[in-house]
């Protein structure tokens, strides 16, 4: 088993990153979509209420991913922080802005609540853009040059668009009436923007990286992998057709856009994993090269086998308890 420990921890880091992208992605998306008109207080309250029980716990998965990376792959952790120190600092500032604004809006009188909502929205945008930029830098192995920087900027806006898409889909699932209708319109636009972004990144990445091009374009891989883009396209079409028909009788299938968005996230993640496995730093370090000593990994694995299922159970339980449509936001 020791021979496979680096790959096991690589899988655990990947799981934590994927779950974080879906769960914190939707509450970042809700923050990005937060309306800023002075007469939209009731709508903003419902936006906030839809993520209130979840947003803080969702960030647990980011902490888990960083912790596993630090303990299991210290050399890779050092490389990531060295290359992305300033951007990671900006991301943390965005996360702090969200946390402070979320708590203070509950204590602010009505006339000041808009200011804290603006801080929450700006923090969400900063967090999404920095995460997208870091993803772009990471997948290119922190390469320098104009092409790499432009790709990272493209990645930043693609990730923000994807978070907006899944955030809007969450609102379609959790709200009713006028807010749901408005969310459906925005989600449809964000879905097509995300589709364009996915297509753009899928085309540009092989052009920049010869290794990625070899894995995807060579024969017979190009035939075997063809179902992935076809399935992604089909999911986008299904989500679009559902949103066009809003509202549906008795809110039938309100979960379809969110599940569709999560499926697209999963397929995009699987595509990235296929492109770069077994590298922990693309083109630089494999999981085996960057891993801690086998004795340390075995010790950590015991803890991970306890902690990860507990977090999964807690996550499932919290979403089960707060399932259903969001009601009026009240502070006591």
C-alpha atoms as a PDB file:
ATOM      1  CA  UNK A   1       0.000   0.000   0.000  1.00  0.00           C
ATOM      2  CA  UNK A   2       2.902   2.357   0.716  1.00  0.00           C
ATOM      3  CA  UNK A   3       3.691   2.563  -2.987  1.00  0.00           C
ATOM      4  CA  UNK A   4       0.272   4.105  -3.660  1.00  0.00           C
ATOM      5  CA  UNK A   5       0.187   6.570  -0.749  1.00  0.00           C
ATOM      6  CA  UNK A   6       1.184   9.624  -2.857  1.00  0.00           C
ATOM      7  CA  UNK A   7      -1.613   8.917  -5.334  1.00  0.00           C
ATOM      8  CA  UNK A   8      -4.103   8.346  -2.488  1.00  0.00           C
ATOM      9  CA  UNK A   9      -3.300  11.746  -1.008  1.00  0.00           C
ATOM     10  CA  UNK A  10      -3.347  13.333  -4.429  1.00  0.00           C
ATOM     11  CA  UNK A  11      -6.883  11.961  -4.750  1.00  0.00           C
ATOM     12  CA  UNK A  12      -7.848  13.337  -1.319  1.00  0.00           C
ATOM     13  CA  UNK A  13      -6.532  16.790  -2.208  1.00  0.00           C
ATOM     14  CA  UNK A  14      -8.415  16.606  -5.499  1.00  0.00           C
ATOM     15  CA  UNK A  15     -11.628  15.575  -3.706  1.00  0.00           C
ATOM     16  CA  UNK A  16     -11.352  18.487  -1.279  1.00  0.00           C
ATOM     17  CA  UNK A  17     -10.711  20.973  -4.101  1.00  0.00           C
ATOM     18  CA  UNK A  18     -13.629  19.671  -6.160  1.00  0.00           C
ATOM     19  CA  UNK A  19     -16.128  19.733  -3.271  1.00  0.00           C
ATOM     20  CA  UNK A  20     -14.913  23.221  -2.358  1.00  0.00           C
ATOM     21  CA  UNK A  21     -15.373  24.435  -5.935  1.00  0.00           C
ATOM     22  CA  UNK A  22     -18.987  23.217  -5.992  1.00  0.00           C
ATOM     23  CA  UNK A  23     -20.065  24.205  -2.486  1.00  0.00           C
ATOM     24  CA  UNK A  24     -18.183  27.446  -1.938  1.00  0.00           C
ATOM     25  CA  UNK A  25     -18.568  28.122  -5.662  1.00  0.00           C
ATOM     26  CA  UNK A  26     -22.318  28.554  -5.365  1.00  0.00           C
ATOM     27  CA  UNK A  27     -22.148  30.857  -2.346  1.00  0.00           C
ATOM     28  CA  UNK A  28     -19.451  32.919  -4.054  1.00  0.00           C
ATOM     29  CA  UNK A  29     -21.768  33.043  -7.065  1.00  0.00           C
ATOM     30  CA  UNK A  30     -24.657  34.232  -4.896  1.00  0.00           C
ATOM     31  CA  UNK A  31     -22.383  36.975  -3.553  1.00  0.00           C
ATOM     32  CA  UNK A  32     -21.403  38.000  -7.084  1.00  0.00           C
ATOM     33  CA  UNK A  33     -25.092  38.170  -8.085  1.00  0.00           C
ATOM     34  CA  UNK A  34     -26.156  40.147  -5.009  1.00  0.00           C
ATOM     35  CA  UNK A  35     -28.330  43.064  -6.271  1.00  0.00           C
ATOM     36  CA  UNK A  36     -27.086  46.514  -5.280  1.00  0.00           C
ATOM     37  CA  UNK A  37     -30.129  48.740  -5.825  1.00  0.00           C
ATOM     38  CA  UNK A  38     -31.240  50.559  -2.684  1.00  0.00           C
ATOM     39  CA  UNK A  39     -34.798  49.223  -3.075  1.00  0.00           C
ATOM     40  CA  UNK A  40     -33.650  45.565  -3.307  1.00  0.00           C
ATOM     41  CA  UNK A  41     -33.117  44.977   0.422  1.00  0.00           C
ATOM     42  CA  UNK A  42     -35.743  42.217   0.613  1.00  0.00           C
ATOM     43  CA  UNK A  43     -34.194  40.454  -2.377  1.00  0.00           C
ATOM     44  CA  UNK A  44     -30.693  40.764  -0.917  1.00  0.00           C
ATOM     45  CA  UNK A  45     -31.956  39.332   2.358  1.00  0.00           C
ATOM     46  CA  UNK A  46     -33.264  36.267   0.524  1.00  0.00           C
ATOM     47  CA  UNK A  47     -29.973  35.892  -1.329  1.00  0.00           C
ATOM     48  CA  UNK A  48     -28.130  35.943   1.999  1.00  0.00           C
ATOM     49  CA  UNK A  49     -30.667  33.636   3.661  1.00  0.00           C
ATOM     50  CA  UNK A  50     -30.169  31.044   0.903  1.00  0.00           C
ATOM     51  CA  UNK A  51     -26.490  30.609   1.823  1.00  0.00           C
ATOM     52  CA  UNK A  52     -26.615  31.559   5.505  1.00  0.00           C
ATOM     53  CA  UNK A  53     -26.481  28.033   6.977  1.00  0.00           C
ATOM     54  CA  UNK A  54     -23.775  26.841   4.565  1.00  0.00           C
ATOM     55  CA  UNK A  55     -21.262  29.471   3.456  1.00  0.00           C
ATOM     56  CA  UNK A  56     -18.891  29.295   6.423  1.00  0.00           C
ATOM     57  CA  UNK A  57     -18.831  25.480   6.546  1.00  0.00           C
ATOM     58  CA  UNK A  58     -18.213  25.320   2.795  1.00  0.00           C
ATOM     59  CA  UNK A  59     -14.811  26.921   3.329  1.00  0.00           C
ATOM     60  CA  UNK A  60     -13.824  23.944   5.498  1.00  0.00           C
ATOM     61  CA  UNK A  61     -12.997  22.112   2.274  1.00  0.00           C
ATOM     62  CA  UNK A  62     -10.468  24.797   1.280  1.00  0.00           C
ATOM     63  CA  UNK A  63      -8.794  24.475   4.684  1.00  0.00           C
ATOM     64  CA  UNK A  64      -8.747  20.683   4.274  1.00  0.00           C
ATOM     65  CA  UNK A  65      -7.219  20.903   0.791  1.00  0.00           C
ATOM     66  CA  UNK A  66      -4.476  23.313   1.899  1.00  0.00           C
ATOM     67  CA  UNK A  67      -3.804  21.259   5.029  1.00  0.00           C
ATOM     68  CA  UNK A  68      -3.455  18.009   3.106  1.00  0.00           C
ATOM     69  CA  UNK A  69      -1.202  19.702   0.546  1.00  0.00           C
ATOM     70  CA  UNK A  70       1.014  21.124   3.300  1.00  0.00           C
ATOM     71  CA  UNK A  71       1.341  17.853   5.227  1.00  0.00           C
ATOM     72  CA  UNK A  72       1.454  15.316   2.394  1.00  0.00           C
ATOM     73  CA  UNK A  73       3.271  17.375  -0.274  1.00  0.00           C
ATOM     74  CA  UNK A  74       5.336  20.045   1.540  1.00  0.00           C
ATOM     75  CA  UNK A  75       7.582  20.760  -1.456  1.00  0.00           C
ATOM     76  CA  UNK A  76       4.558  21.352  -3.686  1.00  0.00           C
ATOM     77  CA  UNK A  77       2.965  23.533  -0.993  1.00  0.00           C
ATOM     78  CA  UNK A  78       6.110  25.668  -0.817  1.00  0.00           C
ATOM     79  CA  UNK A  79       6.204  26.020  -4.603  1.00  0.00           C
ATOM     80  CA  UNK A  80       2.552  27.070  -4.804  1.00  0.00           C
ATOM     81  CA  UNK A  81       2.910  29.693  -2.072  1.00  0.00           C
ATOM     82  CA  UNK A  82       6.182  31.002  -3.494  1.00  0.00           C
ATOM     83  CA  UNK A  83       4.647  31.515  -6.936  1.00  0.00           C
ATOM     84  CA  UNK A  84       1.206  32.709  -5.801  1.00  0.00           C
ATOM     85  CA  UNK A  85       1.934  34.509  -2.540  1.00  0.00           C
ATOM     86  CA  UNK A  86       0.510  37.909  -3.514  1.00  0.00           C
ATOM     87  CA  UNK A  87      -2.522  36.478  -5.309  1.00  0.00           C
ATOM     88  CA  UNK A  88      -3.249  34.134  -2.394  1.00  0.00           C
ATOM     89  CA  UNK A  89      -3.068  37.137  -0.067  1.00  0.00           C
ATOM     90  CA  UNK A  90      -5.642  38.944  -2.208  1.00  0.00           C
ATOM     91  CA  UNK A  91      -7.857  35.855  -2.090  1.00  0.00           C
ATOM     92  CA  UNK A  92      -7.656  35.785   1.706  1.00  0.00           C
ATOM     93  CA  UNK A  93      -8.534  39.483   1.819  1.00  0.00           C
ATOM     94  CA  UNK A  94     -11.608  38.705  -0.294  1.00  0.00           C
ATOM     95  CA  UNK A  95     -12.600  35.839   2.033  1.00  0.00           C
ATOM     96  CA  UNK A  96     -12.121  38.075   5.089  1.00  0.00           C
ATOM     97  CA  UNK A  97     -14.239  40.807   3.484  1.00  0.00           C
ATOM     98  CA  UNK A  98     -17.032  38.277   2.942  1.00  0.00           C
ATOM     99  CA  UNK A  99     -16.888  37.023   6.518  1.00  0.00           C
ATOM    100  CA  UNK A 100     -16.833  40.476   8.091  1.00  0.00           C
ATOM    101  CA  UNK A 101     -19.603  41.797   5.838  1.00  0.00           C
ATOM    102  CA  UNK A 102     -21.810  38.760   6.444  1.00  0.00           C
ATOM    103  CA  UNK A 103     -21.671  39.235  10.222  1.00  0.00           C
ATOM    104  CA  UNK A 104     -21.844  43.023  10.282  1.00  0.00           C
ATOM    105  CA  UNK A 105     -24.832  43.276   7.919  1.00  0.00           C
ATOM    106  CA  UNK A 106     -26.796  41.401  10.588  1.00  0.00           C
ATOM    107  CA  UNK A 107     -25.999  44.104  13.137  1.00  0.00           C
ATOM    108  CA  UNK A 108     -26.206  47.144  10.866  1.00  0.00           C
ATOM    109  CA  UNK A 109     -29.343  49.238  10.703  1.00  0.00           C
ATOM    110  CA  UNK A 110     -31.161  49.186   7.375  1.00  0.00           C
ATOM    111  CA  UNK A 111     -29.482  52.313   5.997  1.00  0.00           C
ATOM    112  CA  UNK A 112     -25.997  50.817   6.500  1.00  0.00           C
ATOM    113  CA  UNK A 113     -26.777  47.291   5.367  1.00  0.00           C
ATOM    114  CA  UNK A 114     -26.295  48.183   1.697  1.00  0.00           C
ATOM    115  CA  UNK A 115     -22.676  49.198   2.391  1.00  0.00           C
ATOM    116  CA  UNK A 116     -21.903  45.809   3.961  1.00  0.00           C
ATOM    117  CA  UNK A 117     -23.663  44.045   1.105  1.00  0.00           C
ATOM    118  CA  UNK A 118     -21.365  45.885  -1.298  1.00  0.00           C
ATOM    119  CA  UNK A 119     -18.361  44.703   0.712  1.00  0.00           C
ATOM    120  CA  UNK A 120     -19.707  41.133   0.535  1.00  0.00           C
ATOM    121  CA  UNK A 121     -20.168  41.401  -3.239  1.00  0.00           C
ATOM    122  CA  UNK A 122     -16.707  42.889  -3.826  1.00  0.00           C
ATOM    123  CA  UNK A 123     -15.137  40.225  -1.586  1.00  0.00           C
ATOM    124  CA  UNK A 124     -16.906  37.505  -3.587  1.00  0.00           C
ATOM    125  CA  UNK A 125     -15.648  38.936  -6.894  1.00  0.00           C
ATOM    126  CA  UNK A 126     -12.078  39.249  -5.597  1.00  0.00           C
ATOM    127  CA  UNK A 127     -12.115  35.672  -4.265  1.00  0.00           C
ATOM    128  CA  UNK A 128     -13.484  34.243  -7.507  1.00  0.00           C
ATOM    129  CA  UNK A 129     -11.073  36.136  -9.762  1.00  0.00           C
ATOM    130  CA  UNK A 130      -8.002  35.293  -7.692  1.00  0.00           C
ATOM    131  CA  UNK A 131      -8.919  31.608  -7.537  1.00  0.00           C
ATOM    132  CA  UNK A 132      -9.368  31.534 -11.302  1.00  0.00           C
ATOM    133  CA  UNK A 133      -6.051  33.306 -11.851  1.00  0.00           C
ATOM    134  CA  UNK A 134      -4.271  30.884  -9.513  1.00  0.00           C
ATOM    135  CA  UNK A 135      -5.804  27.940 -11.363  1.00  0.00           C
ATOM    136  CA  UNK A 136      -4.523  29.296 -14.666  1.00  0.00           C
ATOM    137  CA  UNK A 137      -1.015  29.797 -13.284  1.00  0.00           C
ATOM    138  CA  UNK A 138      -1.056  26.358 -11.659  1.00  0.00           C
ATOM    139  CA  UNK A 139      -2.106  24.286 -14.677  1.00  0.00           C
ATOM    140  CA  UNK A 140       0.703  25.830 -16.718  1.00  0.00           C
ATOM    141  CA  UNK A 141       3.244  24.942 -14.052  1.00  0.00           C
ATOM    142  CA  UNK A 142       3.724  28.630 -13.157  1.00  0.00           C
ATOM    143  CA  UNK A 143       5.242  29.362 -16.557  1.00  0.00           C
ATOM    144  CA  UNK A 144       6.226  32.943 -17.300  1.00  0.00           C
ATOM    145  CA  UNK A 145       5.545  34.947 -20.422  1.00  0.00           C
ATOM    146  CA  UNK A 146       2.728  36.902 -22.004  1.00  0.00           C
ATOM    147  CA  UNK A 147       0.818  33.828 -23.225  1.00  0.00           C
ATOM    148  CA  UNK A 148       0.795  32.295 -19.742  1.00  0.00           C
ATOM    149  CA  UNK A 149      -0.400  35.544 -18.161  1.00  0.00           C
ATOM    150  CA  UNK A 150      -3.170  35.969 -20.718  1.00  0.00           C
ATOM    151  CA  UNK A 151      -4.268  32.373 -20.140  1.00  0.00           C
ATOM    152  CA  UNK A 152      -4.365  32.994 -16.372  1.00  0.00           C
ATOM    153  CA  UNK A 153      -6.489  36.113 -16.867  1.00  0.00           C
ATOM    154  CA  UNK A 154      -8.824  34.125 -19.123  1.00  0.00           C
ATOM    155  CA  UNK A 155      -9.006  31.442 -16.431  1.00  0.00           C
ATOM    156  CA  UNK A 156      -9.843  34.084 -13.800  1.00  0.00           C
ATOM    157  CA  UNK A 157     -12.898  35.323 -15.679  1.00  0.00           C
ATOM    158  CA  UNK A 158     -13.948  31.771 -16.625  1.00  0.00           C
ATOM    159  CA  UNK A 159     -13.954  30.693 -12.976  1.00  0.00           C
ATOM    160  CA  UNK A 160     -15.916  33.792 -11.965  1.00  0.00           C
ATOM    161  CA  UNK A 161     -18.423  33.020 -14.725  1.00  0.00           C
ATOM    162  CA  UNK A 162     -18.687  29.403 -13.576  1.00  0.00           C
ATOM    163  CA  UNK A 163     -19.287  30.484  -9.966  1.00  0.00           C
ATOM    164  CA  UNK A 164     -21.941  32.912 -11.182  1.00  0.00           C
ATOM    165  CA  UNK A 165     -23.575  30.063 -13.109  1.00  0.00           C
ATOM    166  CA  UNK A 166     -23.719  27.659 -10.162  1.00  0.00           C
ATOM    167  CA  UNK A 167     -24.706  30.476  -7.788  1.00  0.00           C
ATOM    168  CA  UNK A 168     -27.619  31.423 -10.016  1.00  0.00           C
ATOM    169  CA  UNK A 169     -28.605  27.757 -10.284  1.00  0.00           C
ATOM    170  CA  UNK A 170     -28.598  27.557  -6.479  1.00  0.00           C
ATOM    171  CA  UNK A 171     -30.974  30.544  -6.311  1.00  0.00           C
ATOM    172  CA  UNK A 172     -33.285  28.910  -8.866  1.00  0.00           C
ATOM    173  CA  UNK A 173     -33.426  25.866  -6.597  1.00  0.00           C
ATOM    174  CA  UNK A 174     -33.815  27.720  -3.284  1.00  0.00           C
ATOM    175  CA  UNK A 175     -36.108  30.658  -4.111  1.00  0.00           C
ATOM    176  CA  UNK A 176     -39.566  31.271  -5.524  1.00  0.00           C
ATOM    177  CA  UNK A 177     -41.498  33.953  -7.345  1.00  0.00           C
ATOM    178  CA  UNK A 178     -39.838  37.026  -8.793  1.00  0.00           C
ATOM    179  CA  UNK A 179     -36.389  36.233  -7.403  1.00  0.00           C
ATOM    180  CA  UNK A 180     -36.467  32.793  -9.001  1.00  0.00           C
ATOM    181  CA  UNK A 181     -37.536  34.227 -12.365  1.00  0.00           C
ATOM    182  CA  UNK A 182     -34.793  36.850 -12.308  1.00  0.00           C
ATOM    183  CA  UNK A 183     -32.258  34.242 -11.205  1.00  0.00           C
ATOM    184  CA  UNK A 184     -33.276  31.971 -14.099  1.00  0.00           C
ATOM    185  CA  UNK A 185     -32.583  34.753 -16.615  1.00  0.00           C
ATOM    186  CA  UNK A 186     -29.180  35.523 -15.100  1.00  0.00           C
ATOM    187  CA  UNK A 187     -28.288  31.831 -14.754  1.00  0.00           C
ATOM    188  CA  UNK A 188     -29.024  31.201 -18.416  1.00  0.00           C
ATOM    189  CA  UNK A 189     -26.693  34.024 -19.463  1.00  0.00           C
ATOM    190  CA  UNK A 190     -24.023  32.838 -17.049  1.00  0.00           C
ATOM    191  CA  UNK A 191     -24.386  29.271 -18.352  1.00  0.00           C
ATOM    192  CA  UNK A 192     -23.627  30.338 -21.905  1.00  0.00           C
ATOM    193  CA  UNK A 193     -20.752  32.501 -20.726  1.00  0.00           C
ATOM    194  CA  UNK A 194     -19.417  29.461 -18.856  1.00  0.00           C
ATOM    195  CA  UNK A 195     -19.836  27.275 -21.944  1.00  0.00           C
ATOM    196  CA  UNK A 196     -17.824  29.755 -23.995  1.00  0.00           C
ATOM    197  CA  UNK A 197     -15.180  29.869 -21.273  1.00  0.00           C
ATOM    198  CA  UNK A 198     -14.934  26.077 -21.065  1.00  0.00           C
ATOM    199  CA  UNK A 199     -14.586  25.859 -24.833  1.00  0.00           C
ATOM    200  CA  UNK A 200     -11.963  28.628 -24.890  1.00  0.00           C
ATOM    201  CA  UNK A 201      -9.847  27.051 -22.144  1.00  0.00           C
ATOM    202  CA  UNK A 202     -10.193  23.613 -23.747  1.00  0.00           C
ATOM    203  CA  UNK A 203      -8.846  25.009 -27.021  1.00  0.00           C
ATOM    204  CA  UNK A 204      -6.142  27.295 -25.626  1.00  0.00           C
ATOM    205  CA  UNK A 205      -4.687  24.884 -23.057  1.00  0.00           C
ATOM    206  CA  UNK A 206      -3.526  22.252 -25.605  1.00  0.00           C
ATOM    207  CA  UNK A 207      -2.109  25.052 -27.775  1.00  0.00           C
ATOM    208  CA  UNK A 208       0.027  26.254 -24.877  1.00  0.00           C
ATOM    209  CA  UNK A 209       0.930  22.857 -23.399  1.00  0.00           C
ATOM    210  CA  UNK A 210       2.345  20.208 -25.734  1.00  0.00           C
ATOM    211  CA  UNK A 211       1.897  17.494 -23.097  1.00  0.00           C
ATOM    212  CA  UNK A 212      -1.809  18.258 -22.695  1.00  0.00           C
ATOM    213  CA  UNK A 213      -2.219  18.276 -26.466  1.00  0.00           C
ATOM    214  CA  UNK A 214      -0.560  14.868 -26.682  1.00  0.00           C
ATOM    215  CA  UNK A 215      -2.954  13.392 -24.108  1.00  0.00           C
ATOM    216  CA  UNK A 216      -6.115  14.779 -25.705  1.00  0.00           C
ATOM    217  CA  UNK A 217      -5.501  15.008 -29.440  1.00  0.00           C
ATOM    218  CA  UNK A 218      -3.443  11.886 -30.137  1.00  0.00           C
ATOM    219  CA  UNK A 219      -5.121   8.747 -31.495  1.00  0.00           C
ATOM    220  CA  UNK A 220      -6.950   6.779 -30.034  1.00  0.00           C
ATOM    221  CA  UNK A 221      -7.351   9.147 -27.041  1.00  0.00           C
ATOM    222  CA  UNK A 222      -9.248  11.681 -29.148  1.00  0.00           C
ATOM    223  CA  UNK A 223     -11.892   9.033 -29.908  1.00  0.00           C
ATOM    224  CA  UNK A 224     -12.099   7.593 -26.396  1.00  0.00           C
ATOM    225  CA  UNK A 225     -12.406  11.047 -24.796  1.00  0.00           C
ATOM    226  CA  UNK A 226     -14.984  12.393 -27.254  1.00  0.00           C
ATOM    227  CA  UNK A 227     -17.934  11.532 -24.916  1.00  0.00           C
ATOM    228  CA  UNK A 228     -16.712  14.111 -22.364  1.00  0.00           C
ATOM    229  CA  UNK A 229     -17.225  17.263 -24.499  1.00  0.00           C
ATOM    230  CA  UNK A 230     -20.411  15.764 -25.937  1.00  0.00           C
ATOM    231  CA  UNK A 231     -21.807  15.144 -22.453  1.00  0.00           C
ATOM    232  CA  UNK A 232     -20.816  18.623 -21.277  1.00  0.00           C
ATOM    233  CA  UNK A 233     -22.593  20.128 -24.299  1.00  0.00           C
ATOM    234  CA  UNK A 234     -25.698  18.019 -23.623  1.00  0.00           C
ATOM    235  CA  UNK A 235     -25.849  19.177 -19.995  1.00  0.00           C
ATOM    236  CA  UNK A 236     -25.535  22.818 -21.022  1.00  0.00           C
ATOM    237  CA  UNK A 237     -28.407  22.367 -23.501  1.00  0.00           C
ATOM    238  CA  UNK A 238     -30.633  20.628 -20.921  1.00  0.00           C
ATOM    239  CA  UNK A 239     -30.028  23.395 -18.375  1.00  0.00           C
ATOM    240  CA  UNK A 240     -30.680  26.089 -20.976  1.00  0.00           C
ATOM    241  CA  UNK A 241     -33.947  24.501 -22.132  1.00  0.00           C
ATOM    242  CA  UNK A 242     -35.121  24.133 -18.541  1.00  0.00           C
ATOM    243  CA  UNK A 243     -34.375  27.765 -17.704  1.00  0.00           C
ATOM    244  CA  UNK A 244     -36.158  29.029 -20.820  1.00  0.00           C
ATOM    245  CA  UNK A 245     -39.373  27.399 -19.601  1.00  0.00           C
ATOM    246  CA  UNK A 246     -39.320  28.962 -16.113  1.00  0.00           C
ATOM    247  CA  UNK A 247     -41.470  28.946 -14.063  1.00  0.00           C
ATOM    248  CA  UNK A 248     -42.510  25.288 -14.232  1.00  0.00           C
ATOM    249  CA  UNK A 249     -45.665  23.752 -12.808  1.00  0.00           C
ATOM    250  CA  UNK A 250     -45.269  23.222  -9.048  1.00  0.00           C
ATOM    251  CA  UNK A 251     -41.615  24.198  -9.442  1.00  0.00           C
ATOM    252  CA  UNK A 252     -40.905  20.881 -11.150  1.00  0.00           C
ATOM    253  CA  UNK A 253     -37.203  20.046 -11.428  1.00  0.00           C
ATOM    254  CA  UNK A 254     -35.915  23.215  -9.758  1.00  0.00           C
ATOM    255  CA  UNK A 255     -32.804  21.213  -8.898  1.00  0.00           C
ATOM    256  CA  UNK A 256     -31.920  20.522 -12.552  1.00  0.00           C
ATOM    257  CA  UNK A 257     -29.754  23.654 -13.151  1.00  0.00           C
ATOM    258  CA  UNK A 258     -27.758  23.138  -9.955  1.00  0.00           C
ATOM    259  CA  UNK A 259     -27.174  19.427 -10.547  1.00  0.00           C
ATOM    260  CA  UNK A 260     -26.277  20.231 -14.162  1.00  0.00           C
ATOM    261  CA  UNK A 261     -23.764  22.857 -13.050  1.00  0.00           C
ATOM    262  CA  UNK A 262     -22.239  20.410 -10.549  1.00  0.00           C
ATOM    263  CA  UNK A 263     -21.943  17.785 -13.304  1.00  0.00           C
ATOM    264  CA  UNK A 264     -20.140  20.280 -15.535  1.00  0.00           C
ATOM    265  CA  UNK A 265     -17.774  21.117 -12.675  1.00  0.00           C
ATOM    266  CA  UNK A 266     -17.127  17.395 -12.177  1.00  0.00           C
ATOM    267  CA  UNK A 267     -16.381  16.746 -15.843  1.00  0.00           C
ATOM    268  CA  UNK A 268     -14.108  19.790 -16.054  1.00  0.00           C
ATOM    269  CA  UNK A 269     -12.281  18.573 -12.950  1.00  0.00           C
ATOM    270  CA  UNK A 270     -11.922  15.069 -14.394  1.00  0.00           C
ATOM    271  CA  UNK A 271     -10.547  16.622 -17.567  1.00  0.00           C
ATOM    272  CA  UNK A 272      -7.909  18.506 -15.580  1.00  0.00           C
ATOM    273  CA  UNK A 273      -7.038  15.370 -13.602  1.00  0.00           C
ATOM    274  CA  UNK A 274      -6.583  13.375 -16.803  1.00  0.00           C
ATOM    275  CA  UNK A 275      -4.477  16.143 -18.332  1.00  0.00           C
ATOM    276  CA  UNK A 276      -1.949  16.345 -15.504  1.00  0.00           C
ATOM    277  CA  UNK A 277      -1.953  13.091 -13.499  1.00  0.00           C
ATOM    278  CA  UNK A 278       0.341  12.074 -11.741  1.00  0.00           C
ATOM    279  CA  UNK A 279       1.780  15.593 -11.403  1.00  0.00           C
ATOM    280  CA  UNK A 280       1.097  17.606  -8.255  1.00  0.00           C
ATOM    281  CA  UNK A 281       2.776  20.591  -9.961  1.00  0.00           C
ATOM    282  CA  UNK A 282       2.150  20.234 -13.730  1.00  0.00           C
ATOM    283  CA  UNK A 283       5.363  19.614 -15.630  1.00  0.00           C
ATOM    284  CA  UNK A 284       7.534  19.939 -12.509  1.00  0.00           C
ATOM    285  CA  UNK A 285       6.741  17.567  -9.642  1.00  0.00           C
ATOM    286  CA  UNK A 286       4.881  14.280  -9.562  1.00  0.00           C
ATOM    287  CA  UNK A 287       2.984  13.215  -6.466  1.00  0.00           C
ATOM    288  CA  UNK A 288       5.640  10.597  -5.705  1.00  0.00           C
ATOM    289  CA  UNK A 289       8.478  13.137  -5.986  1.00  0.00           C
ATOM    290  CA  UNK A 290       6.817  15.718  -3.737  1.00  0.00           C
ATOM    291  CA  UNK A 291       5.353  13.341  -1.132  1.00  0.00           C
ATOM    292  CA  UNK A 292       6.402  13.196   2.508  1.00  0.00           C
ATOM    293  CA  UNK A 293       8.044  10.067   3.934  1.00  0.00           C
ATOM    294  CA  UNK A 294       5.879   6.916   3.743  1.00  0.00           C
ATOM    295  CA  UNK A 295       5.803   6.683   7.551  1.00  0.00           C
ATOM    296  CA  UNK A 296       4.412  10.208   7.775  1.00  0.00           C
ATOM    297  CA  UNK A 297       1.843   9.534   5.073  1.00  0.00           C
ATOM    298  CA  UNK A 298       0.626   6.375   6.840  1.00  0.00           C
ATOM    299  CA  UNK A 299       0.206   8.303  10.076  1.00  0.00           C
ATOM    300  CA  UNK A 300      -1.642  11.124   8.314  1.00  0.00           C
ATOM    301  CA  UNK A 301      -3.828   8.668   6.421  1.00  0.00           C
ATOM    302  CA  UNK A 302      -5.273   7.339   9.681  1.00  0.00           C
ATOM    303  CA  UNK A 303      -6.375  10.854  10.608  1.00  0.00           C
ATOM    304  CA  UNK A 304      -7.660  11.578   7.109  1.00  0.00           C
ATOM    305  CA  UNK A 305      -9.785   8.418   7.127  1.00  0.00           C
ATOM    306  CA  UNK A 306     -11.488   9.770  10.253  1.00  0.00           C
ATOM    307  CA  UNK A 307     -11.687  13.478   9.422  1.00  0.00           C
ATOM    308  CA  UNK A 308     -12.829  13.316   5.781  1.00  0.00           C
ATOM    309  CA  UNK A 309     -15.870  11.052   6.420  1.00  0.00           C
ATOM    310  CA  UNK A 310     -16.861  13.218   9.412  1.00  0.00           C
ATOM    311  CA  UNK A 311     -16.773  16.364   7.272  1.00  0.00           C
ATOM    312  CA  UNK A 312     -18.737  14.584   4.537  1.00  0.00           C
ATOM    313  CA  UNK A 313     -21.375  13.435   7.044  1.00  0.00           C
ATOM    314  CA  UNK A 314     -21.612  16.890   8.586  1.00  0.00           C
ATOM    315  CA  UNK A 315     -21.956  18.463   5.158  1.00  0.00           C
ATOM    316  CA  UNK A 316     -24.695  16.024   4.160  1.00  0.00           C
ATOM    317  CA  UNK A 317     -26.497  16.529   7.481  1.00  0.00           C
ATOM    318  CA  UNK A 318     -26.429  20.333   7.300  1.00  0.00           C
ATOM    319  CA  UNK A 319     -27.760  20.378   3.739  1.00  0.00           C
ATOM    320  CA  UNK A 320     -30.436  17.834   4.705  1.00  0.00           C
ATOM    321  CA  UNK A 321     -31.580  19.911   7.686  1.00  0.00           C
ATOM    322  CA  UNK A 322     -31.802  23.146   5.701  1.00  0.00           C
ATOM    323  CA  UNK A 323     -33.235  21.578   2.545  1.00  0.00           C
ATOM    324  CA  UNK A 324     -36.145  23.315   0.849  1.00  0.00           C
ATOM    325  CA  UNK A 325     -37.038  26.830  -0.174  1.00  0.00           C
ATOM    326  CA  UNK A 326     -35.582  29.788   1.669  1.00  0.00           C
ATOM    327  CA  UNK A 327     -37.906  31.893   3.799  1.00  0.00           C
ATOM    328  CA  UNK A 328     -37.749  35.400   5.157  1.00  0.00           C
ATOM    329  CA  UNK A 329     -34.408  36.384   6.671  1.00  0.00           C
ATOM    330  CA  UNK A 330     -34.741  37.235  10.378  1.00  0.00           C
ATOM    331  CA  UNK A 331     -32.195  38.259  12.978  1.00  0.00           C
ATOM    332  CA  UNK A 332     -32.799  37.679  16.667  1.00  0.00           C
END
